[in-house]
C-alpha cells in the first residue's frame, strides 16, 4: 500500500512541476527595408512608437497567450500606470505584450530598428498592442534604461583615468531620454552632481529655473542618462575637444531619424534638454 501511495504522490508532483508548463520561445522576425517596405510604411503611418527591444532581448509565449519580453541583463523597462502616470516599481526586466486583432485575424509581432511592433497580417483590419506586468496589471512602457550606469558626459573618444568615470562613448547610448526618466530620484540627484562638478556651489539661475534657452557664453553638450541621450549647458571656456556639442548657441533642436518629417518633441527638465518621440520612430539631439 505504501508503494502505491509513493507512486501516486510522485505522479502528482511530476504533473505540477513548473517545467511541465514551459514557455515557448517566439522568433520575432526582423523587418527588411526592401522586402517589408509596405509593412514599415504602415508602422510609420500608424505613429506606433513600439516597445524597446534592444539586442539580446527575448520573447516567449506564455500560457495565457501573451508574449513575455525579457530584456538583457542590466536593462530595465521604465513603466508607469496608464491612469496616473506614476512609476510602477518592481524588477522591470520583463513585460507582457498582447497583439490583438480586433477585426478579423492575423496580428503578429515583428522587430524593426530596435523596437517590437504588432503588425497587421492576413485578414486583420485593426491590430492593437496591450502591455502589462506579468501578473496582468496594465502598464505603459515609457522607455528602457540602465539603472546601474551613472550619468556621464558623452565623449568623442575613450578617456583614461578619472575622466573615464565621468564620460561614456556615443556607441553606448541606447536611445533618447524621455519624461518619465526624470521622475526617478537617482536621475535628479546625479544630474545635480554633474552640475556641481561643472559649476561648484554656484549653479546658474537659468538652470535652476529650467529656462528654455541658455544665455550667451554657454553651449549644450551631450550627456548619457542611464543609457539615454540628453544635453546640458556648459560654459564655452570649459568645453574641451572631446565633448559632443549639441547646440553651438541658442536653443536645442530635435532630429527625427526616419522618414517622418515631424514627431520629435523637445523637453526640458532640471535644465537638461531631450527629445521624445510622438509618431517618429526615434529622435536624436546629435547628427
C-alpha atoms as a PDB file:
ATOM      1  CA  UNK A   1       0.000   0.000   0.000  1.00  0.00           C
ATOM      2  CA  UNK A   2       2.815   2.333   0.825  1.00  0.00           C
ATOM      3  CA  UNK A   3       4.372   1.716  -2.592  1.00  0.00           C
ATOM      4  CA  UNK A   4       1.127   2.741  -4.304  1.00  0.00           C
ATOM      5  CA  UNK A   5       0.988   5.967  -2.268  1.00  0.00           C
ATOM      6  CA  UNK A   6       4.576   6.775  -3.175  1.00  0.00           C
ATOM      7  CA  UNK A   7       3.867   6.221  -6.876  1.00  0.00           C
ATOM      8  CA  UNK A   8       0.705   8.367  -6.778  1.00  0.00           C
ATOM      9  CA  UNK A   9       2.487  11.167  -4.869  1.00  0.00           C
ATOM     10  CA  UNK A  10       5.372  11.154  -7.356  1.00  0.00           C
ATOM     11  CA  UNK A  11       2.919  11.339 -10.270  1.00  0.00           C
ATOM     12  CA  UNK A  12       1.122  14.345  -8.735  1.00  0.00           C
ATOM     13  CA  UNK A  13       4.450  16.065  -8.097  1.00  0.00           C
ATOM     14  CA  UNK A  14       5.532  15.455 -11.685  1.00  0.00           C
ATOM     15  CA  UNK A  15       2.287  16.901 -13.064  1.00  0.00           C
ATOM     16  CA  UNK A  16       2.726  20.096 -11.017  1.00  0.00           C
ATOM     17  CA  UNK A  17       6.384  20.665 -11.761  1.00  0.00           C
ATOM     18  CA  UNK A  18       6.942  24.163 -13.262  1.00  0.00           C
ATOM     19  CA  UNK A  19       8.930  22.643 -16.115  1.00  0.00           C
ATOM     20  CA  UNK A  20       5.864  20.767 -17.353  1.00  0.00           C
ATOM     21  CA  UNK A  21       4.250  24.040 -18.443  1.00  0.00           C
ATOM     22  CA  UNK A  22       7.228  25.591 -20.163  1.00  0.00           C
ATOM     23  CA  UNK A  23       7.055  28.867 -22.044  1.00  0.00           C
ATOM     24  CA  UNK A  24       7.980  28.588 -25.694  1.00  0.00           C
ATOM     25  CA  UNK A  25      10.468  30.862 -27.397  1.00  0.00           C
ATOM     26  CA  UNK A  26       8.982  33.168 -30.033  1.00  0.00           C
ATOM     27  CA  UNK A  27      11.088  34.082 -33.028  1.00  0.00           C
ATOM     28  CA  UNK A  28      10.414  37.770 -33.604  1.00  0.00           C
ATOM     29  CA  UNK A  29      11.022  38.404 -37.286  1.00  0.00           C
ATOM     30  CA  UNK A  30      13.207  41.387 -38.157  1.00  0.00           C
ATOM     31  CA  UNK A  31      11.719  43.540 -40.918  1.00  0.00           C
ATOM     32  CA  UNK A  32      13.788  44.003 -44.057  1.00  0.00           C
ATOM     33  CA  UNK A  33      13.914  47.520 -45.539  1.00  0.00           C
ATOM     34  CA  UNK A  34      13.260  46.195 -49.081  1.00  0.00           C
ATOM     35  CA  UNK A  35      11.177  43.068 -48.610  1.00  0.00           C
ATOM     36  CA  UNK A  36       8.972  44.571 -45.896  1.00  0.00           C
ATOM     37  CA  UNK A  37       8.787  48.136 -47.214  1.00  0.00           C
ATOM     38  CA  UNK A  38       4.958  48.182 -47.099  1.00  0.00           C
ATOM     39  CA  UNK A  39       4.858  46.923 -43.514  1.00  0.00           C
ATOM     40  CA  UNK A  40       7.441  49.512 -42.454  1.00  0.00           C
ATOM     41  CA  UNK A  41       5.418  52.234 -44.175  1.00  0.00           C
ATOM     42  CA  UNK A  42       2.319  51.047 -42.306  1.00  0.00           C
ATOM     43  CA  UNK A  43       4.160  51.222 -38.965  1.00  0.00           C
ATOM     44  CA  UNK A  44       5.241  54.776 -39.729  1.00  0.00           C
ATOM     45  CA  UNK A  45       1.749  55.822 -40.828  1.00  0.00           C
ATOM     46  CA  UNK A  46       0.205  54.410 -37.635  1.00  0.00           C
ATOM     47  CA  UNK A  47       2.520  56.533 -35.440  1.00  0.00           C
ATOM     48  CA  UNK A  48       3.282  53.485 -33.293  1.00  0.00           C
ATOM     49  CA  UNK A  49       6.481  54.082 -31.312  1.00  0.00           C
ATOM     50  CA  UNK A  50       6.765  50.372 -30.469  1.00  0.00           C
ATOM     51  CA  UNK A  51       8.296  48.683 -27.432  1.00  0.00           C
ATOM     52  CA  UNK A  52      12.066  48.928 -26.896  1.00  0.00           C
ATOM     53  CA  UNK A  53      13.648  45.607 -27.908  1.00  0.00           C
ATOM     54  CA  UNK A  54      17.429  46.025 -27.593  1.00  0.00           C
ATOM     55  CA  UNK A  55      19.897  43.431 -28.863  1.00  0.00           C
ATOM     56  CA  UNK A  56      19.802  40.370 -26.626  1.00  0.00           C
ATOM     57  CA  UNK A  57      16.101  40.695 -25.725  1.00  0.00           C
ATOM     58  CA  UNK A  58      13.954  37.556 -25.911  1.00  0.00           C
ATOM     59  CA  UNK A  59      10.261  36.878 -26.462  1.00  0.00           C
ATOM     60  CA  UNK A  60       8.438  33.828 -25.091  1.00  0.00           C
ATOM     61  CA  UNK A  61       4.822  32.712 -25.440  1.00  0.00           C
ATOM     62  CA  UNK A  62       3.050  32.393 -22.084  1.00  0.00           C
ATOM     63  CA  UNK A  63       0.227  30.002 -21.206  1.00  0.00           C
ATOM     64  CA  UNK A  64      -2.385  32.801 -21.382  1.00  0.00           C
ATOM     65  CA  UNK A  65      -1.398  33.689 -24.947  1.00  0.00           C
ATOM     66  CA  UNK A  66       0.606  36.800 -24.127  1.00  0.00           C
ATOM     67  CA  UNK A  67       4.209  37.242 -25.219  1.00  0.00           C
ATOM     68  CA  UNK A  68       6.718  37.971 -22.461  1.00  0.00           C
ATOM     69  CA  UNK A  69       9.560  40.277 -23.464  1.00  0.00           C
ATOM     70  CA  UNK A  70      12.668  39.852 -21.341  1.00  0.00           C
ATOM     71  CA  UNK A  71      15.439  42.435 -21.580  1.00  0.00           C
ATOM     72  CA  UNK A  72      19.175  41.635 -21.480  1.00  0.00           C
ATOM     73  CA  UNK A  73      20.957  41.817 -18.129  1.00  0.00           C
ATOM     74  CA  UNK A  74      21.442  45.397 -16.939  1.00  0.00           C
ATOM     75  CA  UNK A  75      18.446  46.780 -18.872  1.00  0.00           C
ATOM     76  CA  UNK A  76      15.099  47.725 -17.324  1.00  0.00           C
ATOM     77  CA  UNK A  77      11.749  48.902 -18.627  1.00  0.00           C
ATOM     78  CA  UNK A  78      10.580  52.143 -17.065  1.00  0.00           C
ATOM     79  CA  UNK A  79       6.860  51.520 -16.652  1.00  0.00           C
ATOM     80  CA  UNK A  80       4.119  53.848 -15.473  1.00  0.00           C
ATOM     81  CA  UNK A  81       0.476  53.489 -14.507  1.00  0.00           C
ATOM     82  CA  UNK A  82      -1.519  54.438 -17.656  1.00  0.00           C
ATOM     83  CA  UNK A  83      -4.151  56.164 -15.474  1.00  0.00           C
ATOM     84  CA  UNK A  84      -1.979  58.199 -13.096  1.00  0.00           C
ATOM     85  CA  UNK A  85       1.421  58.396 -14.800  1.00  0.00           C
ATOM     86  CA  UNK A  86       3.100  57.210 -11.580  1.00  0.00           C
ATOM     87  CA  UNK A  87       6.151  54.983 -11.895  1.00  0.00           C
ATOM     88  CA  UNK A  88       5.458  51.309 -11.230  1.00  0.00           C
ATOM     89  CA  UNK A  89       8.190  49.677  -9.182  1.00  0.00           C
ATOM     90  CA  UNK A  90       9.420  46.118  -9.334  1.00  0.00           C
ATOM     91  CA  UNK A  91      12.054  44.244 -11.280  1.00  0.00           C
ATOM     92  CA  UNK A  92      11.341  45.939 -14.608  1.00  0.00           C
ATOM     93  CA  UNK A  93      13.281  43.414 -16.684  1.00  0.00           C
ATOM     94  CA  UNK A  94      10.213  41.987 -18.429  1.00  0.00           C
ATOM     95  CA  UNK A  95       6.735  42.852 -19.641  1.00  0.00           C
ATOM     96  CA  UNK A  96       3.772  41.033 -21.113  1.00  0.00           C
ATOM     97  CA  UNK A  97       2.515  42.003 -24.585  1.00  0.00           C
ATOM     98  CA  UNK A  98      -0.694  41.124 -26.406  1.00  0.00           C
ATOM     99  CA  UNK A  99      -1.015  41.688 -30.154  1.00  0.00           C
ATOM    100  CA  UNK A 100      -4.794  41.689 -30.537  1.00  0.00           C
ATOM    101  CA  UNK A 101      -6.688  41.732 -33.813  1.00  0.00           C
ATOM    102  CA  UNK A 102      -9.991  43.446 -33.021  1.00  0.00           C
ATOM    103  CA  UNK A 103     -11.424  42.931 -36.539  1.00  0.00           C
ATOM    104  CA  UNK A 104     -10.520  39.790 -38.483  1.00  0.00           C
ATOM    105  CA  UNK A 105      -7.466  37.602 -37.863  1.00  0.00           C
ATOM    106  CA  UNK A 106      -3.699  37.949 -38.217  1.00  0.00           C
ATOM    107  CA  UNK A 107      -1.829  40.284 -35.882  1.00  0.00           C
ATOM    108  CA  UNK A 108       1.835  39.350 -35.485  1.00  0.00           C
ATOM    109  CA  UNK A 109       4.912  40.636 -33.625  1.00  0.00           C
ATOM    110  CA  UNK A 110       7.945  41.922 -35.553  1.00  0.00           C
ATOM    111  CA  UNK A 111      11.055  43.940 -34.719  1.00  0.00           C
ATOM    112  CA  UNK A 112      12.371  46.978 -36.555  1.00  0.00           C
ATOM    113  CA  UNK A 113      15.134  49.421 -35.598  1.00  0.00           C
ATOM    114  CA  UNK A 114      15.413  48.074 -32.063  1.00  0.00           C
ATOM    115  CA  UNK A 115      11.651  48.155 -31.401  1.00  0.00           C
ATOM    116  CA  UNK A 116       8.944  45.474 -31.071  1.00  0.00           C
ATOM    117  CA  UNK A 117       5.720  46.045 -33.029  1.00  0.00           C
ATOM    118  CA  UNK A 118       2.369  44.373 -33.611  1.00  0.00           C
ATOM    119  CA  UNK A 119       1.620  44.436 -37.345  1.00  0.00           C
ATOM    120  CA  UNK A 120      -1.463  43.599 -39.394  1.00  0.00           C
ATOM    121  CA  UNK A 121      -1.374  40.451 -41.496  1.00  0.00           C
ATOM    122  CA  UNK A 122      -3.871  38.296 -43.429  1.00  0.00           C
ATOM    123  CA  UNK A 123      -7.485  39.440 -42.813  1.00  0.00           C
ATOM    124  CA  UNK A 124      -6.885  41.679 -39.805  1.00  0.00           C
ATOM    125  CA  UNK A 125      -8.163  45.235 -40.170  1.00  0.00           C
ATOM    126  CA  UNK A 126      -7.330  46.628 -36.730  1.00  0.00           C
ATOM    127  CA  UNK A 127      -4.316  45.487 -34.700  1.00  0.00           C
ATOM    128  CA  UNK A 128      -3.792  46.747 -31.155  1.00  0.00           C
ATOM    129  CA  UNK A 129      -0.936  46.296 -28.690  1.00  0.00           C
ATOM    130  CA  UNK A 130      -1.504  45.920 -24.955  1.00  0.00           C
ATOM    131  CA  UNK A 131       1.293  45.899 -22.376  1.00  0.00           C
ATOM    132  CA  UNK A 132       1.151  44.627 -18.814  1.00  0.00           C
ATOM    133  CA  UNK A 133       3.092  43.272 -15.883  1.00  0.00           C
ATOM    134  CA  UNK A 134       3.451  39.506 -15.859  1.00  0.00           C
ATOM    135  CA  UNK A 135       0.589  39.361 -13.338  1.00  0.00           C
ATOM    136  CA  UNK A 136      -1.665  41.074 -15.897  1.00  0.00           C
ATOM    137  CA  UNK A 137      -1.684  44.615 -14.451  1.00  0.00           C
ATOM    138  CA  UNK A 138      -1.865  47.122 -17.358  1.00  0.00           C
ATOM    139  CA  UNK A 139       1.214  49.340 -17.727  1.00  0.00           C
ATOM    140  CA  UNK A 140       2.619  51.891 -20.135  1.00  0.00           C
ATOM    141  CA  UNK A 141       6.157  51.293 -21.358  1.00  0.00           C
ATOM    142  CA  UNK A 142       7.861  54.709 -21.330  1.00  0.00           C
ATOM    143  CA  UNK A 143      11.344  53.547 -22.263  1.00  0.00           C
ATOM    144  CA  UNK A 144      14.376  51.469 -21.350  1.00  0.00           C
ATOM    145  CA  UNK A 145      17.251  52.465 -19.096  1.00  0.00           C
ATOM    146  CA  UNK A 146      20.333  51.016 -17.404  1.00  0.00           C
ATOM    147  CA  UNK A 147      19.938  51.739 -13.673  1.00  0.00           C
ATOM    148  CA  UNK A 148      23.438  50.548 -12.762  1.00  0.00           C
ATOM    149  CA  UNK A 149      25.030  53.174 -15.016  1.00  0.00           C
ATOM    150  CA  UNK A 150      25.883  56.697 -13.885  1.00  0.00           C
ATOM    151  CA  UNK A 151      25.060  59.948 -15.675  1.00  0.00           C
ATOM    152  CA  UNK A 152      28.096  60.761 -17.793  1.00  0.00           C
ATOM    153  CA  UNK A 153      29.212  63.243 -20.435  1.00  0.00           C
ATOM    154  CA  UNK A 154      29.385  61.810 -23.960  1.00  0.00           C
ATOM    155  CA  UNK A 155      32.968  61.800 -25.239  1.00  0.00           C
ATOM    156  CA  UNK A 156      34.267  61.510 -28.799  1.00  0.00           C
ATOM    157  CA  UNK A 157      36.984  59.112 -27.646  1.00  0.00           C
ATOM    158  CA  UNK A 158      37.688  56.744 -24.786  1.00  0.00           C
ATOM    159  CA  UNK A 159      39.053  58.618 -21.783  1.00  0.00           C
ATOM    160  CA  UNK A 160      41.626  57.350 -19.285  1.00  0.00           C
ATOM    161  CA  UNK A 161      41.884  57.515 -15.504  1.00  0.00           C
ATOM    162  CA  UNK A 162      39.401  59.619 -13.526  1.00  0.00           C
ATOM    163  CA  UNK A 163      37.938  61.112 -16.723  1.00  0.00           C
ATOM    164  CA  UNK A 164      36.738  57.654 -17.780  1.00  0.00           C
ATOM    165  CA  UNK A 165      34.427  57.599 -14.738  1.00  0.00           C
ATOM    166  CA  UNK A 166      32.694  60.781 -15.884  1.00  0.00           C
ATOM    167  CA  UNK A 167      32.409  60.005 -19.589  1.00  0.00           C
ATOM    168  CA  UNK A 168      30.937  57.442 -21.967  1.00  0.00           C
ATOM    169  CA  UNK A 169      31.003  56.905 -25.728  1.00  0.00           C
ATOM    170  CA  UNK A 170      28.229  57.697 -28.165  1.00  0.00           C
ATOM    171  CA  UNK A 171      28.069  53.978 -29.068  1.00  0.00           C
ATOM    172  CA  UNK A 172      26.874  53.272 -25.510  1.00  0.00           C
ATOM    173  CA  UNK A 173      23.654  55.266 -25.987  1.00  0.00           C
ATOM    174  CA  UNK A 174      20.545  53.107 -26.352  1.00  0.00           C
ATOM    175  CA  UNK A 175      18.021  55.860 -27.106  1.00  0.00           C
ATOM    176  CA  UNK A 176      16.770  59.315 -26.208  1.00  0.00           C
ATOM    177  CA  UNK A 177      15.799  60.448 -22.723  1.00  0.00           C
ATOM    178  CA  UNK A 178      12.072  60.601 -22.011  1.00  0.00           C
ATOM    179  CA  UNK A 179       9.893  62.491 -19.491  1.00  0.00           C
ATOM    180  CA  UNK A 180       9.292  59.572 -17.094  1.00  0.00           C
ATOM    181  CA  UNK A 181      13.062  59.088 -16.697  1.00  0.00           C
ATOM    182  CA  UNK A 182      13.249  62.384 -14.811  1.00  0.00           C
ATOM    183  CA  UNK A 183      10.750  61.127 -12.233  1.00  0.00           C
ATOM    184  CA  UNK A 184      13.498  58.876 -10.867  1.00  0.00           C
ATOM    185  CA  UNK A 185      15.172  60.384  -7.807  1.00  0.00           C
ATOM    186  CA  UNK A 186      18.557  58.988  -8.899  1.00  0.00           C
ATOM    187  CA  UNK A 187      18.358  60.964 -12.151  1.00  0.00           C
ATOM    188  CA  UNK A 188      17.770  64.260 -10.365  1.00  0.00           C
ATOM    189  CA  UNK A 189      20.494  63.590  -7.772  1.00  0.00           C
ATOM    190  CA  UNK A 190      23.145  62.525 -10.280  1.00  0.00           C
ATOM    191  CA  UNK A 191      22.289  65.338 -12.692  1.00  0.00           C
ATOM    192  CA  UNK A 192      22.892  67.916  -9.965  1.00  0.00           C
ATOM    193  CA  UNK A 193      26.132  66.152  -9.046  1.00  0.00           C
ATOM    194  CA  UNK A 194      27.254  66.814 -12.625  1.00  0.00           C
ATOM    195  CA  UNK A 195      26.184  70.466 -12.299  1.00  0.00           C
ATOM    196  CA  UNK A 196      28.142  70.825  -9.043  1.00  0.00           C
ATOM    197  CA  UNK A 197      31.174  69.272 -10.760  1.00  0.00           C
ATOM    198  CA  UNK A 198      30.935  71.903 -13.529  1.00  0.00           C
ATOM    199  CA  UNK A 199      29.810  74.949 -11.545  1.00  0.00           C
ATOM    200  CA  UNK A 200      30.758  74.267  -7.939  1.00  0.00           C
ATOM    201  CA  UNK A 201      28.151  75.607  -5.488  1.00  0.00           C
ATOM    202  CA  UNK A 202      27.004  78.406  -7.846  1.00  0.00           C
ATOM    203  CA  UNK A 203      24.701  76.633 -10.297  1.00  0.00           C
ATOM    204  CA  UNK A 204      23.388  79.342 -12.690  1.00  0.00           C
ATOM    205  CA  UNK A 205      19.837  80.591 -12.153  1.00  0.00           C
ATOM    206  CA  UNK A 206      18.759  79.802 -15.725  1.00  0.00           C
ATOM    207  CA  UNK A 207      19.408  76.107 -14.960  1.00  0.00           C
ATOM    208  CA  UNK A 208      17.611  76.169 -11.617  1.00  0.00           C
ATOM    209  CA  UNK A 209      14.655  77.936 -13.260  1.00  0.00           C
ATOM    210  CA  UNK A 210      14.714  75.473 -16.190  1.00  0.00           C
ATOM    211  CA  UNK A 211      14.717  78.287 -18.754  1.00  0.00           C
ATOM    212  CA  UNK A 212      14.312  77.191 -22.399  1.00  0.00           C
ATOM    213  CA  UNK A 213      17.467  78.835 -23.789  1.00  0.00           C
ATOM    214  CA  UNK A 214      20.906  79.263 -22.259  1.00  0.00           C
ATOM    215  CA  UNK A 215      22.385  82.808 -22.290  1.00  0.00           C
ATOM    216  CA  UNK A 216      25.430  83.705 -24.378  1.00  0.00           C
ATOM    217  CA  UNK A 217      28.673  82.144 -23.205  1.00  0.00           C
ATOM    218  CA  UNK A 218      27.186  78.631 -22.939  1.00  0.00           C
ATOM    219  CA  UNK A 219      26.820  75.669 -25.278  1.00  0.00           C
ATOM    220  CA  UNK A 220      24.865  72.453 -24.867  1.00  0.00           C
ATOM    221  CA  UNK A 221      26.879  69.235 -24.637  1.00  0.00           C
ATOM    222  CA  UNK A 222      25.572  65.673 -24.906  1.00  0.00           C
ATOM    223  CA  UNK A 223      25.199  63.555 -21.783  1.00  0.00           C
ATOM    224  CA  UNK A 224      24.270  59.940 -21.166  1.00  0.00           C
ATOM    225  CA  UNK A 225      21.461  59.450 -18.609  1.00  0.00           C
ATOM    226  CA  UNK A 226      21.408  55.749 -17.753  1.00  0.00           C
ATOM    227  CA  UNK A 227      21.908  54.938 -21.443  1.00  0.00           C
ATOM    228  CA  UNK A 228      19.681  57.712 -22.831  1.00  0.00           C
ATOM    229  CA  UNK A 229      20.742  60.863 -24.667  1.00  0.00           C
ATOM    230  CA  UNK A 230      20.164  64.374 -23.336  1.00  0.00           C
ATOM    231  CA  UNK A 231      22.072  67.681 -23.258  1.00  0.00           C
ATOM    232  CA  UNK A 232      23.095  70.159 -20.574  1.00  0.00           C
ATOM    233  CA  UNK A 233      24.546  73.699 -20.776  1.00  0.00           C
ATOM    234  CA  UNK A 234      28.238  74.212 -20.125  1.00  0.00           C
ATOM    235  CA  UNK A 235      30.404  77.385 -20.198  1.00  0.00           C
ATOM    236  CA  UNK A 236      32.242  77.635 -23.511  1.00  0.00           C
ATOM    237  CA  UNK A 237      35.579  78.150 -21.791  1.00  0.00           C
ATOM    238  CA  UNK A 238      35.234  74.791 -20.006  1.00  0.00           C
ATOM    239  CA  UNK A 239      34.427  72.754 -23.117  1.00  0.00           C
ATOM    240  CA  UNK A 240      37.345  70.699 -24.450  1.00  0.00           C
ATOM    241  CA  UNK A 241      37.878  68.876 -27.741  1.00  0.00           C
ATOM    242  CA  UNK A 242      36.288  65.602 -26.663  1.00  0.00           C
ATOM    243  CA  UNK A 243      32.748  66.749 -25.790  1.00  0.00           C
ATOM    244  CA  UNK A 244      29.889  66.476 -28.269  1.00  0.00           C
ATOM    245  CA  UNK A 245      28.422  69.944 -28.799  1.00  0.00           C
ATOM    246  CA  UNK A 246      24.682  69.644 -29.430  1.00  0.00           C
ATOM    247  CA  UNK A 247      23.917  73.332 -29.870  1.00  0.00           C
ATOM    248  CA  UNK A 248      26.603  75.928 -30.547  1.00  0.00           C
ATOM    249  CA  UNK A 249      24.355  78.768 -29.404  1.00  0.00           C
ATOM    250  CA  UNK A 250      20.713  79.436 -28.577  1.00  0.00           C
ATOM    251  CA  UNK A 251      18.238  76.586 -28.248  1.00  0.00           C
ATOM    252  CA  UNK A 252      18.434  72.848 -28.885  1.00  0.00           C
ATOM    253  CA  UNK A 253      16.744  71.157 -31.845  1.00  0.00           C
ATOM    254  CA  UNK A 254      15.440  67.613 -32.254  1.00  0.00           C
ATOM    255  CA  UNK A 255      16.018  65.391 -35.258  1.00  0.00           C
ATOM    256  CA  UNK A 256      13.691  62.605 -36.425  1.00  0.00           C
ATOM    257  CA  UNK A 257      15.694  59.556 -37.503  1.00  0.00           C
ATOM    258  CA  UNK A 258      13.221  58.201 -40.072  1.00  0.00           C
ATOM    259  CA  UNK A 259      11.196  59.498 -42.998  1.00  0.00           C
ATOM    260  CA  UNK A 260       8.566  61.131 -40.794  1.00  0.00           C
ATOM    261  CA  UNK A 261       9.124  64.911 -41.056  1.00  0.00           C
ATOM    262  CA  UNK A 262       7.569  65.598 -37.644  1.00  0.00           C
ATOM    263  CA  UNK A 263       7.134  63.779 -34.373  1.00  0.00           C
ATOM    264  CA  UNK A 264      10.048  64.789 -32.111  1.00  0.00           C
ATOM    265  CA  UNK A 265       9.181  66.942 -29.121  1.00  0.00           C
ATOM    266  CA  UNK A 266      11.786  68.947 -27.224  1.00  0.00           C
ATOM    267  CA  UNK A 267      11.564  68.797 -23.428  1.00  0.00           C
ATOM    268  CA  UNK A 268      13.441  70.493 -20.620  1.00  0.00           C
ATOM    269  CA  UNK A 269      13.737  69.218 -17.037  1.00  0.00           C
ATOM    270  CA  UNK A 270      16.208  70.427 -14.400  1.00  0.00           C
ATOM    271  CA  UNK A 271      17.937  72.397 -17.173  1.00  0.00           C
ATOM    272  CA  UNK A 272      18.537  69.266 -19.285  1.00  0.00           C
ATOM    273  CA  UNK A 273      17.176  69.135 -22.845  1.00  0.00           C
ATOM    274  CA  UNK A 274      15.953  65.944 -24.500  1.00  0.00           C
ATOM    275  CA  UNK A 275      13.756  64.748 -27.353  1.00  0.00           C
ATOM    276  CA  UNK A 276      10.873  62.302 -27.133  1.00  0.00           C
ATOM    277  CA  UNK A 277       9.083  60.539 -29.965  1.00  0.00           C
ATOM    278  CA  UNK A 278       5.486  61.212 -30.936  1.00  0.00           C
ATOM    279  CA  UNK A 279       4.956  59.372 -34.205  1.00  0.00           C
ATOM    280  CA  UNK A 280       8.647  59.457 -35.144  1.00  0.00           C
ATOM    281  CA  UNK A 281      10.311  56.072 -34.617  1.00  0.00           C
ATOM    282  CA  UNK A 282      13.344  57.612 -32.863  1.00  0.00           C
ATOM    283  CA  UNK A 283      14.616  61.096 -32.082  1.00  0.00           C
ATOM    284  CA  UNK A 284      18.102  62.455 -31.626  1.00  0.00           C
ATOM    285  CA  UNK A 285      19.912  65.599 -30.486  1.00  0.00           C
ATOM    286  CA  UNK A 286      23.040  64.528 -32.351  1.00  0.00           C
ATOM    287  CA  UNK A 287      23.580  64.432 -36.118  1.00  0.00           C
END
